[in-house]
Amino acid sequence: MTITQLEYIIAVQTYGSFSEAASKCLVTQPTLSMQIQKLESELGAIIFRRDKYPINPTDIGTKIIEQAKHIIKEKERLNVIIQTEKGEFVGSFKAAIIPTISSYLLPMFLGNFTKKYPNIELIIDEVTTDEVISGLGKRYFDIGIIALRSSIDNVISESLYYEPIVAFVPSDHKLMKKSKINQDDLNVNDFLLLKE
């Protein structure tokens, strides 16, 4: 049993797909699948049901994955103890951010972060809000950045900044006469929305 195998089963549970998990773990799908099969063989238990999509763990697989998460966390804590003692920080830091903010927010801190922590591999995933919350809950991400404050069990949330909400309306629209728009003034049929 290896830490890598444990990371692979956590990734498959997180993404519900062997191919997507392999992509996120930066390996080929056959490599990831082979390592998971080796782990299942060693444990004598089938971890995932492979007959349906998305891929879901078996009952025993769910218990194995939960234990794997604890093992990974304890490994990370051990690394933190050593890093703190040496005054160094190494390893990986997984951040999830929604695409609508990433292009504005990431340039503000990426340069400083990589200079201050050159030995940390920063892994950034652009995902939906639901995927950020799910990934945090499953401990796949170390940090998540979303547009709205959210209450999630066992997660500490902090507001980074606030920005105004503005409306763009045609020059002949009835709202052009207003200097301030209230929620009651809005008609849902007038909205242009981003796709998922």
N, C-alpha and C. Protein backbone atom coordinates (compact mmCIF):
# COMPACT_ATOMS: atom_id res chain seq x y z
N MET A 1 0.85 -1.18 0.00
CA MET A 1 0.00 0.00 0.00
C MET A 1 0.89 1.24 0.00
N THR A 2 0.58 2.18 -0.89
CA THR A 2 1.37 3.40 -0.96
C THR A 2 0.48 4.63 -0.77
N ILE A 3 1.11 5.74 -0.41
CA ILE A 3 0.38 7.01 -0.29
C ILE A 3 -0.22 7.37 -1.64
N THR A 4 0.51 7.14 -2.71
CA THR A 4 0.02 7.46 -4.05
C THR A 4 -1.27 6.71 -4.36
N GLN A 5 -1.32 5.43 -4.01
CA GLN A 5 -2.54 4.65 -4.24
C GLN A 5 -3.72 5.24 -3.46
N LEU A 6 -3.44 5.67 -2.24
CA LEU A 6 -4.49 6.27 -1.43
C LEU A 6 -4.97 7.58 -2.05
N GLU A 7 -4.03 8.37 -2.58
CA GLU A 7 -4.40 9.62 -3.25
C GLU A 7 -5.24 9.34 -4.49
N TYR A 8 -4.93 8.26 -5.19
CA TYR A 8 -5.70 7.91 -6.39
C TYR A 8 -7.14 7.55 -6.05
N ILE A 9 -7.34 6.75 -5.00
CA ILE A 9 -8.73 6.37 -4.68
C ILE A 9 -9.53 7.57 -4.20
N ILE A 10 -8.87 8.49 -3.51
CA ILE A 10 -9.56 9.71 -3.07
C ILE A 10 -9.95 10.54 -4.30
N ALA A 11 -9.06 10.62 -5.27
CA ALA A 11 -9.34 11.39 -6.49
C ALA A 11 -10.51 10.78 -7.27
N VAL A 12 -10.55 9.46 -7.37
CA VAL A 12 -11.65 8.81 -8.10
C VAL A 12 -12.97 9.09 -7.39
N GLN A 13 -12.97 9.02 -6.07
CA GLN A 13 -14.20 9.33 -5.35
C GLN A 13 -14.60 10.79 -5.56
N THR A 14 -13.62 11.68 -5.55
CA THR A 14 -13.90 13.11 -5.72
C THR A 14 -14.51 13.42 -7.08
N TYR A 15 -13.95 12.83 -8.14
CA TYR A 15 -14.38 13.17 -9.49
C TYR A 15 -15.36 12.19 -10.10
N GLY A 16 -15.54 11.00 -9.48
CA GLY A 16 -16.50 10.03 -10.00
C GLY A 16 -16.12 9.46 -11.34
N SER A 17 -14.83 9.54 -11.67
CA SER A 17 -14.37 9.09 -12.98
C SER A 17 -12.89 8.73 -12.89
N PHE A 18 -12.53 7.59 -13.46
CA PHE A 18 -11.12 7.19 -13.48
C PHE A 18 -10.32 8.13 -14.38
N SER A 19 -10.89 8.49 -15.54
CA SER A 19 -10.16 9.34 -16.48
C SER A 19 -9.94 10.73 -15.92
N GLU A 20 -10.97 11.32 -15.30
CA GLU A 20 -10.81 12.66 -14.74
C GLU A 20 -9.87 12.64 -13.55
N ALA A 21 -9.97 11.61 -12.71
CA ALA A 21 -9.05 11.48 -11.57
C ALA A 21 -7.61 11.37 -12.05
N ALA A 22 -7.40 10.58 -13.11
CA ALA A 22 -6.05 10.42 -13.66
C ALA A 22 -5.52 11.76 -14.16
N SER A 23 -6.38 12.51 -14.85
CA SER A 23 -5.99 13.82 -15.35
C SER A 23 -5.59 14.76 -14.22
N LYS A 24 -6.39 14.77 -13.15
CA LYS A 24 -6.09 15.65 -12.00
C LYS A 24 -4.84 15.19 -11.26
N CYS A 25 -4.55 13.90 -11.28
CA CYS A 25 -3.36 13.37 -10.61
C CYS A 25 -2.13 13.37 -11.53
N LEU A 26 -2.33 13.86 -12.76
CA LEU A 26 -1.24 13.98 -13.74
C LEU A 26 -0.61 12.64 -14.09
N VAL A 27 -1.45 11.62 -14.23
CA VAL A 27 -0.99 10.29 -14.68
C VAL A 27 -1.95 9.80 -15.75
N THR A 28 -1.57 8.72 -16.43
CA THR A 28 -2.48 8.14 -17.41
C THR A 28 -3.55 7.32 -16.69
N GLN A 29 -4.68 7.14 -17.36
CA GLN A 29 -5.74 6.33 -16.75
C GLN A 29 -5.30 4.90 -16.50
N PRO A 30 -4.58 4.25 -17.44
CA PRO A 30 -4.14 2.88 -17.15
C PRO A 30 -3.24 2.80 -15.90
N THR A 31 -2.38 3.79 -15.71
CA THR A 31 -1.52 3.81 -14.53
C THR A 31 -2.35 3.90 -13.26
N LEU A 32 -3.29 4.84 -13.24
CA LEU A 32 -4.14 5.01 -12.06
C LEU A 32 -4.97 3.74 -11.81
N SER A 33 -5.57 3.20 -12.85
CA SER A 33 -6.41 2.01 -12.71
C SER A 33 -5.60 0.82 -12.19
N MET A 34 -4.38 0.64 -12.72
CA MET A 34 -3.53 -0.46 -12.30
C MET A 34 -3.16 -0.34 -10.82
N GLN A 35 -2.84 0.87 -10.38
CA GLN A 35 -2.48 1.07 -8.98
C GLN A 35 -3.67 0.81 -8.05
N ILE A 36 -4.85 1.21 -8.48
CA ILE A 36 -6.05 0.96 -7.66
C ILE A 36 -6.33 -0.54 -7.61
N GLN A 37 -6.16 -1.23 -8.73
CA GLN A 37 -6.37 -2.69 -8.74
C GLN A 37 -5.36 -3.38 -7.83
N LYS A 38 -4.12 -2.91 -7.82
CA LYS A 38 -3.10 -3.48 -6.91
C LYS A 38 -3.52 -3.28 -5.46
N LEU A 39 -4.03 -2.11 -5.15
CA LEU A 39 -4.47 -1.83 -3.78
C LEU A 39 -5.65 -2.73 -3.42
N GLU A 40 -6.61 -2.87 -4.32
CA GLU A 40 -7.76 -3.75 -4.06
C GLU A 40 -7.30 -5.19 -3.85
N SER A 41 -6.34 -5.62 -4.65
CA SER A 41 -5.81 -6.98 -4.52
C SER A 41 -5.12 -7.16 -3.17
N GLU A 42 -4.32 -6.17 -2.78
CA GLU A 42 -3.62 -6.25 -1.49
C GLU A 42 -4.59 -6.28 -0.32
N LEU A 43 -5.65 -5.46 -0.41
CA LEU A 43 -6.62 -5.38 0.68
C LEU A 43 -7.65 -6.52 0.63
N GLY A 44 -7.78 -7.15 -0.54
CA GLY A 44 -8.78 -8.20 -0.70
C GLY A 44 -10.19 -7.64 -0.68
N ALA A 45 -10.35 -6.43 -1.23
CA ALA A 45 -11.66 -5.78 -1.24
C ALA A 45 -11.80 -4.92 -2.50
N ILE A 46 -12.99 -4.90 -3.06
CA ILE A 46 -13.28 -4.05 -4.22
C ILE A 46 -13.67 -2.67 -3.68
N ILE A 47 -12.95 -1.65 -4.12
CA ILE A 47 -13.19 -0.30 -3.60
C ILE A 47 -14.26 0.43 -4.41
N PHE A 48 -14.29 0.22 -5.74
CA PHE A 48 -15.23 0.96 -6.59
C PHE A 48 -16.13 0.02 -7.40
N ARG A 49 -17.39 0.45 -7.56
CA ARG A 49 -18.29 -0.19 -8.51
C ARG A 49 -17.95 0.39 -9.87
N ARG A 50 -17.67 -0.46 -10.82
CA ARG A 50 -17.24 0.02 -12.13
C ARG A 50 -18.33 -0.12 -13.20
N ASP A 51 -19.53 -0.52 -12.79
CA ASP A 51 -20.59 -0.78 -13.76
C ASP A 51 -21.51 0.41 -14.01
N LYS A 52 -21.32 1.50 -13.29
CA LYS A 52 -22.18 2.67 -13.46
C LYS A 52 -21.32 3.94 -13.51
N TYR A 53 -21.89 4.98 -14.09
CA TYR A 53 -21.23 6.29 -14.10
C TYR A 53 -22.16 7.29 -13.45
N PRO A 54 -21.72 8.14 -12.57
CA PRO A 54 -20.33 8.25 -12.12
C PRO A 54 -19.91 7.06 -11.27
N ILE A 55 -18.61 6.84 -11.21
CA ILE A 55 -18.05 5.74 -10.41
C ILE A 55 -18.30 6.03 -8.93
N ASN A 56 -18.84 5.05 -8.24
CA ASN A 56 -19.09 5.19 -6.80
C ASN A 56 -18.38 4.08 -6.03
N PRO A 57 -17.97 4.39 -4.81
CA PRO A 57 -17.33 3.34 -4.00
C PRO A 57 -18.35 2.32 -3.50
N THR A 58 -17.85 1.12 -3.24
CA THR A 58 -18.66 0.10 -2.57
C THR A 58 -18.79 0.51 -1.11
N ASP A 59 -19.57 -0.22 -0.35
CA ASP A 59 -19.71 0.10 1.08
C ASP A 59 -18.36 0.03 1.79
N ILE A 60 -17.61 -1.05 1.53
CA ILE A 60 -16.29 -1.17 2.16
C ILE A 60 -15.33 -0.14 1.56
N GLY A 61 -15.54 0.18 0.27
CA GLY A 61 -14.71 1.19 -0.38
C GLY A 61 -14.85 2.56 0.27
N THR A 62 -16.08 2.90 0.66
CA THR A 62 -16.32 4.17 1.35
C THR A 62 -15.52 4.23 2.65
N LYS A 63 -15.52 3.13 3.39
CA LYS A 63 -14.76 3.09 4.65
C LYS A 63 -13.26 3.18 4.40
N ILE A 64 -12.79 2.50 3.35
CA ILE A 64 -11.36 2.53 3.01
C ILE A 64 -10.95 3.95 2.62
N ILE A 65 -11.78 4.61 1.81
CA ILE A 65 -11.45 5.98 1.36
C ILE A 65 -11.42 6.94 2.54
N GLU A 66 -12.37 6.82 3.45
CA GLU A 66 -12.37 7.70 4.62
C GLU A 66 -11.09 7.51 5.44
N GLN A 67 -10.68 6.26 5.60
CA GLN A 67 -9.44 5.99 6.33
C GLN A 67 -8.23 6.53 5.56
N ALA A 68 -8.28 6.41 4.22
CA ALA A 68 -7.20 6.94 3.38
C ALA A 68 -7.06 8.45 3.58
N LYS A 69 -8.18 9.14 3.70
CA LYS A 69 -8.14 10.59 3.92
C LYS A 69 -7.46 10.92 5.24
N HIS A 70 -7.74 10.12 6.27
CA HIS A 70 -7.09 10.34 7.56
C HIS A 70 -5.59 10.09 7.45
N ILE A 71 -5.21 9.06 6.74
CA ILE A 71 -3.78 8.73 6.57
C ILE A 71 -3.07 9.87 5.84
N ILE A 72 -3.68 10.37 4.78
CA ILE A 72 -3.07 11.47 4.01
C ILE A 72 -2.94 12.71 4.89
N LYS A 73 -3.97 13.02 5.66
CA LYS A 73 -3.91 14.19 6.55
C LYS A 73 -2.80 14.03 7.58
N GLU A 74 -2.68 12.84 8.15
CA GLU A 74 -1.63 12.61 9.15
C GLU A 74 -0.24 12.72 8.52
N LYS A 75 -0.10 12.24 7.29
CA LYS A 75 1.17 12.38 6.57
C LYS A 75 1.49 13.86 6.39
N GLU A 76 0.48 14.63 6.00
CA GLU A 76 0.68 16.07 5.81
C GLU A 76 1.05 16.75 7.13
N ARG A 77 0.44 16.33 8.22
CA ARG A 77 0.78 16.91 9.54
C ARG A 77 2.22 16.60 9.92
N LEU A 78 2.65 15.39 9.62
CA LEU A 78 4.03 15.01 9.89
C LEU A 78 4.98 15.91 9.09
N ASN A 79 4.66 16.14 7.83
CA ASN A 79 5.47 17.04 7.01
C ASN A 79 5.50 18.45 7.58
N VAL A 80 4.35 18.93 8.06
CA VAL A 80 4.28 20.27 8.63
C VAL A 80 5.17 20.39 9.86
N ILE A 81 5.15 19.35 10.70
CA ILE A 81 6.00 19.37 11.91
C ILE A 81 7.47 19.50 11.51
N ILE A 82 7.89 18.72 10.54
CA ILE A 82 9.29 18.75 10.09
C ILE A 82 9.62 20.09 9.44
N GLN A 83 8.72 20.58 8.58
CA GLN A 83 8.95 21.86 7.91
C GLN A 83 9.06 23.00 8.91
N THR A 84 8.17 23.00 9.88
CA THR A 84 8.18 24.06 10.89
C THR A 84 9.48 24.03 11.68
N GLU A 85 9.92 22.84 12.04
CA GLU A 85 11.17 22.70 12.79
C GLU A 85 12.36 23.22 11.99
N LYS A 86 12.36 22.96 10.69
CA LYS A 86 13.46 23.39 9.83
C LYS A 86 13.29 24.83 9.34
N GLY A 87 12.09 25.38 9.51
CA GLY A 87 11.83 26.71 8.97
C GLY A 87 11.64 26.69 7.47
N GLU A 88 11.27 25.53 6.93
CA GLU A 88 11.06 25.37 5.49
C GLU A 88 9.62 24.93 5.24
N PHE A 89 9.15 25.20 4.05
CA PHE A 89 7.84 24.72 3.66
C PHE A 89 7.97 24.04 2.30
N VAL A 90 7.61 22.76 2.25
CA VAL A 90 7.67 21.99 1.01
C VAL A 90 6.38 21.20 0.85
N GLY A 91 6.20 20.64 -0.32
CA GLY A 91 5.01 19.81 -0.57
C GLY A 91 4.11 20.46 -1.59
N SER A 92 2.84 20.10 -1.54
CA SER A 92 1.88 20.65 -2.49
C SER A 92 0.75 21.33 -1.74
N PHE A 93 0.17 22.31 -2.39
CA PHE A 93 -0.95 23.06 -1.84
C PHE A 93 -2.00 23.14 -2.94
N LYS A 94 -3.16 22.52 -2.69
CA LYS A 94 -4.21 22.44 -3.71
C LYS A 94 -5.28 23.50 -3.46
N ALA A 95 -5.42 24.38 -4.44
CA ALA A 95 -6.41 25.46 -4.33
C ALA A 95 -7.46 25.29 -5.42
N ALA A 96 -8.70 25.51 -5.07
CA ALA A 96 -9.80 25.48 -6.04
C ALA A 96 -10.39 26.88 -6.11
N ILE A 97 -10.69 27.31 -7.33
CA ILE A 97 -11.24 28.66 -7.51
C ILE A 97 -12.24 28.64 -8.66
N ILE A 98 -13.27 29.43 -8.53
CA ILE A 98 -14.25 29.47 -9.63
C ILE A 98 -13.68 30.31 -10.77
N PRO A 99 -13.95 29.92 -12.03
CA PRO A 99 -13.33 30.59 -13.18
C PRO A 99 -13.66 32.08 -13.29
N THR A 100 -14.84 32.49 -12.82
CA THR A 100 -15.21 33.90 -12.97
C THR A 100 -14.35 34.84 -12.13
N ILE A 101 -13.64 34.33 -11.14
CA ILE A 101 -12.77 35.19 -10.32
C ILE A 101 -11.29 34.93 -10.59
N SER A 102 -10.97 33.75 -11.06
CA SER A 102 -9.56 33.34 -11.11
C SER A 102 -8.67 34.29 -11.90
N SER A 103 -9.12 34.76 -13.05
CA SER A 103 -8.25 35.60 -13.88
C SER A 103 -7.98 36.95 -13.24
N TYR A 104 -8.83 37.38 -12.31
CA TYR A 104 -8.61 38.66 -11.63
C TYR A 104 -7.83 38.49 -10.33
N LEU A 105 -8.14 37.42 -9.60
CA LEU A 105 -7.56 37.25 -8.27
C LEU A 105 -6.18 36.60 -8.29
N LEU A 106 -5.98 35.59 -9.12
CA LEU A 106 -4.71 34.85 -9.10
C LEU A 106 -3.49 35.73 -9.37
N PRO A 107 -3.53 36.64 -10.35
CA PRO A 107 -2.34 37.47 -10.57
C PRO A 107 -1.95 38.33 -9.37
N MET A 108 -2.89 38.58 -8.47
CA MET A 108 -2.60 39.41 -7.30
C MET A 108 -1.66 38.74 -6.31
N PHE A 109 -1.66 37.39 -6.28
CA PHE A 109 -0.84 36.73 -5.26
C PHE A 109 0.11 35.66 -5.77
N LEU A 110 -0.04 35.20 -7.01
CA LEU A 110 0.79 34.10 -7.50
C LEU A 110 2.28 34.41 -7.44
N GLY A 111 2.67 35.58 -7.92
CA GLY A 111 4.09 35.95 -7.92
C GLY A 111 4.68 35.96 -6.53
N ASN A 112 3.99 36.60 -5.60
CA ASN A 112 4.48 36.67 -4.21
C ASN A 112 4.53 35.30 -3.57
N PHE A 113 3.53 34.48 -3.84
CA PHE A 113 3.47 33.15 -3.24
C PHE A 113 4.65 32.31 -3.69
N THR A 114 4.90 32.28 -5.01
CA THR A 114 5.99 31.44 -5.52
C THR A 114 7.36 31.93 -5.07
N LYS A 115 7.50 33.24 -4.87
CA LYS A 115 8.78 33.77 -4.35
C LYS A 115 8.95 33.40 -2.88
N LYS A 116 7.88 33.53 -2.11
CA LYS A 116 7.97 33.27 -0.67
C LYS A 116 8.07 31.78 -0.35
N TYR A 117 7.40 30.95 -1.17
CA TYR A 117 7.39 29.51 -0.92
C TYR A 117 7.84 28.75 -2.18
N PRO A 118 9.11 28.85 -2.55
CA PRO A 118 9.57 28.24 -3.81
C PRO A 118 9.51 26.71 -3.82
N ASN A 119 9.47 26.07 -2.65
CA ASN A 119 9.46 24.62 -2.59
C ASN A 119 8.06 24.02 -2.48
N ILE A 120 7.05 24.88 -2.57
CA ILE A 120 5.67 24.38 -2.52
C ILE A 120 5.13 24.32 -3.93
N GLU A 121 4.60 23.15 -4.30
CA GLU A 121 3.95 22.99 -5.59
C GLU A 121 2.51 23.47 -5.43
N LEU A 122 2.20 24.58 -6.08
CA LEU A 122 0.86 25.14 -6.01
C LEU A 122 0.02 24.56 -7.14
N ILE A 123 -1.04 23.86 -6.78
CA ILE A 123 -1.93 23.23 -7.77
C ILE A 123 -3.26 23.97 -7.72
N ILE A 124 -3.62 24.57 -8.84
CA ILE A 124 -4.85 25.36 -8.89
C ILE A 124 -5.83 24.71 -9.87
N ASP A 125 -7.03 24.44 -9.39
CA ASP A 125 -8.10 23.90 -10.24
C ASP A 125 -9.20 24.94 -10.38
N GLU A 126 -9.60 25.22 -11.62
CA GLU A 126 -10.76 26.07 -11.85
C GLU A 126 -11.97 25.15 -11.92
N VAL A 127 -12.87 25.28 -10.97
CA VAL A 127 -14.04 24.40 -10.89
C VAL A 127 -15.26 25.20 -10.48
N THR A 128 -16.42 24.57 -10.56
CA THR A 128 -17.66 25.24 -10.15
C THR A 128 -17.72 25.36 -8.63
N THR A 129 -18.62 26.20 -8.16
CA THR A 129 -18.80 26.38 -6.71
C THR A 129 -19.13 25.06 -6.04
N ASP A 130 -20.02 24.27 -6.64
CA ASP A 130 -20.38 22.97 -6.06
C ASP A 130 -19.16 22.05 -5.95
N GLU A 131 -18.29 22.09 -6.97
CA GLU A 131 -17.09 21.25 -6.94
C GLU A 131 -16.09 21.73 -5.89
N VAL A 132 -16.02 23.05 -5.69
CA VAL A 132 -15.15 23.59 -4.63
C VAL A 132 -15.63 23.07 -3.28
N ILE A 133 -16.92 23.21 -3.03
CA ILE A 133 -17.49 22.80 -1.74
C ILE A 133 -17.34 21.29 -1.54
N SER A 134 -17.63 20.52 -2.59
CA SER A 134 -17.49 19.07 -2.50
C SER A 134 -16.03 18.67 -2.26
N GLY A 135 -15.11 19.29 -3.00
CA GLY A 135 -13.69 18.98 -2.85
C GLY A 135 -13.14 19.33 -1.48
N LEU A 136 -13.63 20.41 -0.89
CA LEU A 136 -13.22 20.76 0.47
C LEU A 136 -13.76 19.75 1.47
N GLY A 137 -15.04 19.38 1.27
CA GLY A 137 -15.66 18.41 2.17
C GLY A 137 -14.97 17.06 2.12
N LYS A 138 -14.47 16.71 0.93
CA LYS A 138 -13.78 15.43 0.76
C LYS A 138 -12.28 15.55 0.99
N ARG A 139 -11.86 16.75 1.38
CA ARG A 139 -10.44 17.04 1.68
C ARG A 139 -9.53 16.89 0.47
N TYR A 140 -10.10 17.09 -0.71
CA TYR A 140 -9.27 17.04 -1.91
C TYR A 140 -8.53 18.37 -2.09
N PHE A 141 -9.19 19.48 -1.73
CA PHE A 141 -8.58 20.80 -1.82
C PHE A 141 -8.18 21.29 -0.43
N ASP A 142 -7.08 22.05 -0.37
CA ASP A 142 -6.65 22.67 0.88
C ASP A 142 -7.39 23.98 1.12
N ILE A 143 -7.73 24.66 0.04
CA ILE A 143 -8.43 25.93 0.12
C ILE A 143 -9.34 26.07 -1.08
N GLY A 144 -10.43 26.78 -0.91
CA GLY A 144 -11.34 27.04 -2.02
C GLY A 144 -11.74 28.50 -2.02
N ILE A 145 -11.89 29.06 -3.21
CA ILE A 145 -12.30 30.46 -3.33
C ILE A 145 -13.56 30.50 -4.19
N ILE A 146 -14.65 30.98 -3.58
CA ILE A 146 -15.94 31.06 -4.27
C ILE A 146 -16.48 32.47 -4.14
N ALA A 147 -17.58 32.76 -4.85
CA ALA A 147 -18.12 34.12 -4.89
C ALA A 147 -18.99 34.45 -3.68
N LEU A 148 -19.59 33.47 -3.06
CA LEU A 148 -20.48 33.72 -1.94
C LEU A 148 -19.98 33.01 -0.70
N ARG A 149 -20.17 33.63 0.45
CA ARG A 149 -19.81 32.98 1.70
C ARG A 149 -20.70 31.75 1.88
N SER A 150 -20.10 30.66 2.29
CA SER A 150 -20.85 29.41 2.41
C SER A 150 -20.55 28.75 3.74
N SER A 151 -21.54 28.14 4.33
CA SER A 151 -21.34 27.42 5.59
C SER A 151 -21.15 25.94 5.27
N ILE A 152 -19.95 25.45 5.54
CA ILE A 152 -19.63 24.05 5.27
C ILE A 152 -19.08 23.45 6.56
N ASP A 153 -19.54 22.25 6.88
CA ASP A 153 -19.04 21.58 8.09
C ASP A 153 -17.53 21.42 8.03
N ASN A 154 -16.87 21.67 9.15
CA ASN A 154 -15.42 21.49 9.30
C ASN A 154 -14.59 22.35 8.37
N VAL A 155 -15.16 23.46 7.89
CA VAL A 155 -14.41 24.37 7.03
C VAL A 155 -14.53 25.78 7.60
N ILE A 156 -13.41 26.47 7.68
CA ILE A 156 -13.41 27.86 8.14
C ILE A 156 -13.52 28.75 6.93
N SER A 157 -14.45 29.70 6.95
CA SER A 157 -14.59 30.61 5.81
C SER A 157 -14.23 32.03 6.23
N GLU A 158 -13.68 32.77 5.29
CA GLU A 158 -13.25 34.14 5.54
C GLU A 158 -13.53 34.95 4.28
N SER A 159 -14.06 36.16 4.44
CA SER A 159 -14.30 37.04 3.30
C SER A 159 -12.98 37.67 2.87
N LEU A 160 -12.66 37.58 1.59
CA LEU A 160 -11.43 38.16 1.07
C LEU A 160 -11.64 39.61 0.65
N TYR A 161 -12.75 39.88 0.00
CA TYR A 161 -13.04 41.23 -0.46
C TYR A 161 -14.51 41.32 -0.87
N TYR A 162 -14.96 42.54 -1.06
CA TYR A 162 -16.32 42.79 -1.55
C TYR A 162 -16.21 43.63 -2.81
N GLU A 163 -17.13 43.39 -3.74
CA GLU A 163 -17.15 44.22 -4.94
C GLU A 163 -18.59 44.58 -5.25
N PRO A 164 -18.78 45.75 -5.86
CA PRO A 164 -20.16 46.16 -6.16
C PRO A 164 -20.76 45.32 -7.28
N ILE A 165 -22.06 45.23 -7.25
CA ILE A 165 -22.78 44.58 -8.33
C ILE A 165 -23.37 45.71 -9.18
N VAL A 166 -23.09 45.67 -10.46
CA VAL A 166 -23.59 46.72 -11.35
C VAL A 166 -24.47 46.11 -12.42
N ALA A 167 -25.32 46.94 -13.00
CA ALA A 167 -26.22 46.48 -14.06
C ALA A 167 -25.84 47.15 -15.37
N PHE A 168 -25.85 46.38 -16.43
CA PHE A 168 -25.67 46.92 -17.78
C PHE A 168 -27.02 46.82 -18.47
N VAL A 169 -27.54 47.96 -18.88
CA VAL A 169 -28.86 47.98 -19.51
C VAL A 169 -28.80 48.81 -20.79
N PRO A 170 -29.65 48.52 -21.77
CA PRO A 170 -29.70 49.33 -22.99
C PRO A 170 -30.10 50.77 -22.66
N SER A 171 -29.66 51.72 -23.49
CA SER A 171 -29.91 53.14 -23.21
C SER A 171 -31.39 53.49 -23.18
N ASP A 172 -32.22 52.72 -23.86
CA ASP A 172 -33.65 53.03 -23.86
C ASP A 172 -34.44 52.21 -22.82
N HIS A 173 -33.73 51.49 -21.95
CA HIS A 173 -34.39 50.64 -20.94
C HIS A 173 -34.96 51.52 -19.82
N LYS A 174 -36.07 51.10 -19.25
CA LYS A 174 -36.72 51.88 -18.18
C LYS A 174 -35.82 52.06 -16.95
N LEU A 175 -34.88 51.12 -16.71
CA LEU A 175 -34.00 51.24 -15.54
C LEU A 175 -32.94 52.32 -15.70
N MET A 176 -32.74 52.82 -16.94
CA MET A 176 -31.74 53.88 -17.16
C MET A 176 -32.11 55.16 -16.42
N LYS A 177 -33.38 55.33 -16.10
CA LYS A 177 -33.83 56.53 -15.40
C LYS A 177 -33.49 56.50 -13.92
N LYS A 178 -33.10 55.32 -13.41
CA LYS A 178 -32.82 55.18 -11.98
C LYS A 178 -31.32 55.33 -11.70
N SER A 179 -30.97 55.95 -10.60
CA SER A 179 -29.55 56.04 -10.22
C SER A 179 -29.15 54.83 -9.37
N LYS A 180 -30.14 54.19 -8.76
CA LYS A 180 -29.89 53.00 -7.95
C LYS A 180 -31.01 52.00 -8.23
N ILE A 181 -30.62 50.74 -8.41
CA ILE A 181 -31.60 49.71 -8.73
C ILE A 181 -31.79 48.80 -7.52
N ASN A 182 -33.04 48.55 -7.17
CA ASN A 182 -33.37 47.64 -6.07
C ASN A 182 -33.74 46.27 -6.64
N GLN A 183 -33.71 45.28 -5.79
CA GLN A 183 -34.03 43.92 -6.24
C GLN A 183 -35.43 43.85 -6.85
N ASP A 184 -36.36 44.60 -6.30
CA ASP A 184 -37.74 44.57 -6.80
C ASP A 184 -37.85 45.15 -8.21
N ASP A 185 -36.86 45.95 -8.64
CA ASP A 185 -36.88 46.54 -9.97
C ASP A 185 -36.49 45.55 -11.07
N LEU A 186 -35.93 44.42 -10.68
CA LEU A 186 -35.36 43.48 -11.65
C LEU A 186 -36.40 42.48 -12.14
N ASN A 187 -36.29 42.18 -13.43
CA ASN A 187 -37.14 41.16 -14.04
C ASN A 187 -36.22 40.05 -14.51
N VAL A 188 -36.44 38.85 -14.02
CA VAL A 188 -35.55 37.73 -14.33
C VAL A 188 -35.46 37.48 -15.84
N ASN A 189 -36.46 37.85 -16.60
CA ASN A 189 -36.45 37.64 -18.05
C ASN A 189 -35.47 38.58 -18.76
N ASP A 190 -34.99 39.61 -18.06
CA ASP A 190 -34.04 40.56 -18.66
C ASP A 190 -32.58 40.14 -18.48
N PHE A 191 -32.33 39.09 -17.72
CA PHE A 191 -30.95 38.73 -17.38
C PHE A 191 -30.24 37.97 -18.51
N LEU A 192 -28.97 38.27 -18.68
CA LEU A 192 -28.08 37.45 -19.48
C LEU A 192 -27.21 36.69 -18.52
N LEU A 193 -27.24 35.36 -18.55
CA LEU A 193 -26.53 34.55 -17.56
C LEU A 193 -25.42 33.75 -18.20
N LEU A 194 -24.36 33.49 -17.41
CA LEU A 194 -23.29 32.61 -17.87
C LEU A 194 -23.79 31.18 -17.87
N LYS A 195 -23.28 30.35 -18.79
CA LYS A 195 -23.56 28.94 -18.73
C LYS A 195 -22.80 28.34 -17.57
N GLU A 196 -23.13 27.13 -17.14
CA GLU A 196 -22.45 26.46 -16.03
C GLU A 196 -20.97 26.39 -16.33
